[in-house]
Amino acid sequence: MPGTRKLGRATDSRTAMLRAMVTFLLENGKIETTVSRAKDVRAMAEKTITVAKEDNLHNRRLVLGFVTKEDVVNKLFTEIAPKYAERNGGYCRITKLGPRRGDAAEMAIIELL
C-alpha cells in the first residue's frame, strides 16, 4: 500500500501533494518529479485507473474523492480507462533521468503507457 514513504511531509500535506500529482498525471499524461514521489504517484494512479475500468456511480464517487478536478474524472472514465480494459495493471512507466542540478535528487519522468 502506498504511504510507506513519508516524503518529508506531514500526512495531510503529503496526501494533498499526491492527489494533485495524480490529477496532473491523468490530465497531461506525463510529469517530471523525484523517483520516490514518482513511485507513490504510480501506485495511486494505477489504483485509480483500476477503479475507473468499471463505470458506475459508486466508482465515480470513489475517484472524485481523490482526484481534484471533475473534468479529469470524466476524461479518466471515457478515454483513459477504456484503453486499459484488457490490461491487468502496469499502466504507468517510470524513467530515471539522473540527478537534479540544485540538490542532486534523483529525478524521473512518470508517464501513462
Protein backbone atom coordinates (compact mmCIF):
# COMPACT_ATOMS: atom_id res chain seq x y z
CA MET A 1 0.00 0.00 0.00
CA PRO A 2 1.24 3.49 -0.72
CA GLY A 3 2.09 5.60 2.26
CA THR A 4 5.20 3.84 3.46
CA ARG A 5 7.26 6.79 2.21
CA LYS A 6 6.82 9.98 4.21
CA LEU A 7 8.49 12.25 1.63
CA GLY A 8 9.49 14.72 4.35
CA ARG A 9 5.94 15.99 4.88
CA ALA A 10 3.09 15.73 7.33
CA THR A 11 0.28 13.34 6.47
CA ASP A 12 -2.24 15.91 5.24
CA SER A 13 0.36 17.77 3.19
CA ARG A 14 1.63 14.52 1.66
CA THR A 15 -1.91 13.41 0.77
CA ALA A 16 -2.67 16.77 -0.86
CA MET A 17 0.56 16.62 -2.86
CA LEU A 18 -0.17 13.07 -4.09
CA ARG A 19 -3.75 13.99 -5.04
CA ALA A 20 -2.50 16.96 -7.04
CA MET A 21 0.22 14.93 -8.77
CA VAL A 22 -2.16 12.08 -9.69
CA THR A 23 -4.64 14.61 -11.07
CA PHE A 24 -1.89 16.30 -13.10
CA LEU A 25 -0.64 12.92 -14.40
CA LEU A 26 -4.10 11.88 -15.55
CA GLU A 27 -4.69 15.30 -17.09
CA ASN A 28 -1.43 15.58 -19.03
CA GLY A 29 -0.18 12.00 -19.32
CA LYS A 30 3.34 12.76 -18.10
CA ILE A 31 5.09 14.55 -15.21
CA GLU A 32 8.68 15.04 -14.09
CA THR A 33 9.40 14.59 -10.38
CA THR A 34 11.73 12.78 -7.99
CA VAL A 35 11.94 8.98 -8.07
CA SER A 36 10.41 8.43 -4.63
CA ARG A 37 7.45 10.70 -5.40
CA ALA A 38 7.01 9.01 -8.77
CA LYS A 39 6.77 5.60 -7.10
CA ASP A 40 3.99 6.78 -4.78
CA VAL A 41 2.18 8.56 -7.61
CA ARG A 42 2.36 5.41 -9.74
CA ALA A 43 0.73 3.32 -7.01
CA MET A 44 -2.12 5.79 -6.52
CA ALA A 45 -2.67 6.39 -10.26
CA GLU A 46 -2.81 2.68 -11.04
CA LYS A 47 -5.36 2.07 -8.30
CA THR A 48 -7.45 4.96 -9.62
CA ILE A 49 -7.35 3.61 -13.19
CA THR A 50 -8.29 0.13 -11.98
CA VAL A 51 -11.35 1.51 -10.17
CA ALA A 52 -12.29 3.54 -13.28
CA LYS A 53 -12.39 0.46 -15.53
CA GLU A 54 -15.96 -0.19 -14.42
CA ASP A 55 -18.09 2.90 -14.98
CA ASN A 56 -20.80 3.18 -12.33
CA LEU A 57 -21.87 5.80 -9.81
CA HIS A 58 -20.03 4.23 -6.87
CA ASN A 59 -16.71 4.12 -8.71
CA ARG A 60 -17.14 7.67 -9.98
CA ARG A 61 -17.67 8.89 -6.42
CA LEU A 62 -14.64 6.93 -5.20
CA VAL A 63 -12.46 8.56 -7.86
CA LEU A 64 -13.97 12.01 -7.26
CA GLY A 65 -12.98 11.65 -3.61
CA PHE A 66 -9.32 11.50 -4.65
CA VAL A 67 -8.92 13.30 -7.98
CA THR A 68 -9.33 17.05 -7.58
CA LYS A 69 -10.83 18.03 -10.97
CA GLU A 70 -14.17 16.82 -12.29
CA ASP A 71 -13.19 17.11 -15.97
CA VAL A 72 -10.17 14.87 -15.29
CA VAL A 73 -12.54 12.27 -13.78
CA ASN A 74 -14.68 12.39 -16.93
CA LYS A 75 -11.56 12.01 -19.09
CA LEU A 76 -10.44 9.08 -16.92
CA PHE A 77 -13.73 7.20 -17.30
CA THR A 78 -14.27 7.97 -21.02
CA GLU A 79 -10.75 7.95 -22.52
CA ILE A 80 -8.05 6.58 -20.22
CA ALA A 81 -9.66 3.56 -18.53
CA PRO A 82 -11.13 2.02 -21.74
CA LYS A 83 -7.61 1.95 -23.22
CA TYR A 84 -6.53 -0.39 -20.41
CA ALA A 85 -9.62 -2.63 -20.37
CA GLU A 86 -7.67 -5.81 -21.23
CA ARG A 87 -4.63 -4.91 -19.15
CA ASN A 88 -4.22 -6.08 -15.54
CA GLY A 89 -2.09 -3.33 -14.07
CA GLY A 90 1.14 -1.69 -15.15
CA TYR A 91 -0.43 1.46 -16.61
CA CYS A 92 2.48 3.80 -15.78
CA ARG A 93 6.16 3.87 -16.68
CA ILE A 94 8.91 5.49 -14.60
CA THR A 95 12.05 6.54 -16.49
CA LYS A 96 15.01 7.76 -14.43
CA LEU A 97 16.71 10.94 -15.65
CA GLY A 98 19.65 11.42 -13.32
CA PRO A 99 20.42 13.87 -10.51
CA ARG A 100 18.81 17.32 -10.26
CA ARG A 101 21.25 20.20 -10.55
CA GLY A 102 20.38 22.02 -7.32
CA ASP A 103 20.33 19.28 -4.69
CA ALA A 104 21.32 16.13 -6.62
CA ALA A 105 17.93 14.49 -6.01
CA GLU A 106 17.33 11.58 -8.40
CA MET A 107 14.78 12.75 -11.00
CA ALA A 108 12.35 10.68 -13.06
CA ILE A 109 9.58 11.02 -15.61
CA ILE A 110 6.34 9.14 -14.91
CA GLU A 111 4.00 8.65 -17.86
CA LEU A 112 0.94 6.70 -18.84
CA LEU A 113 1.59 3.89 -21.32
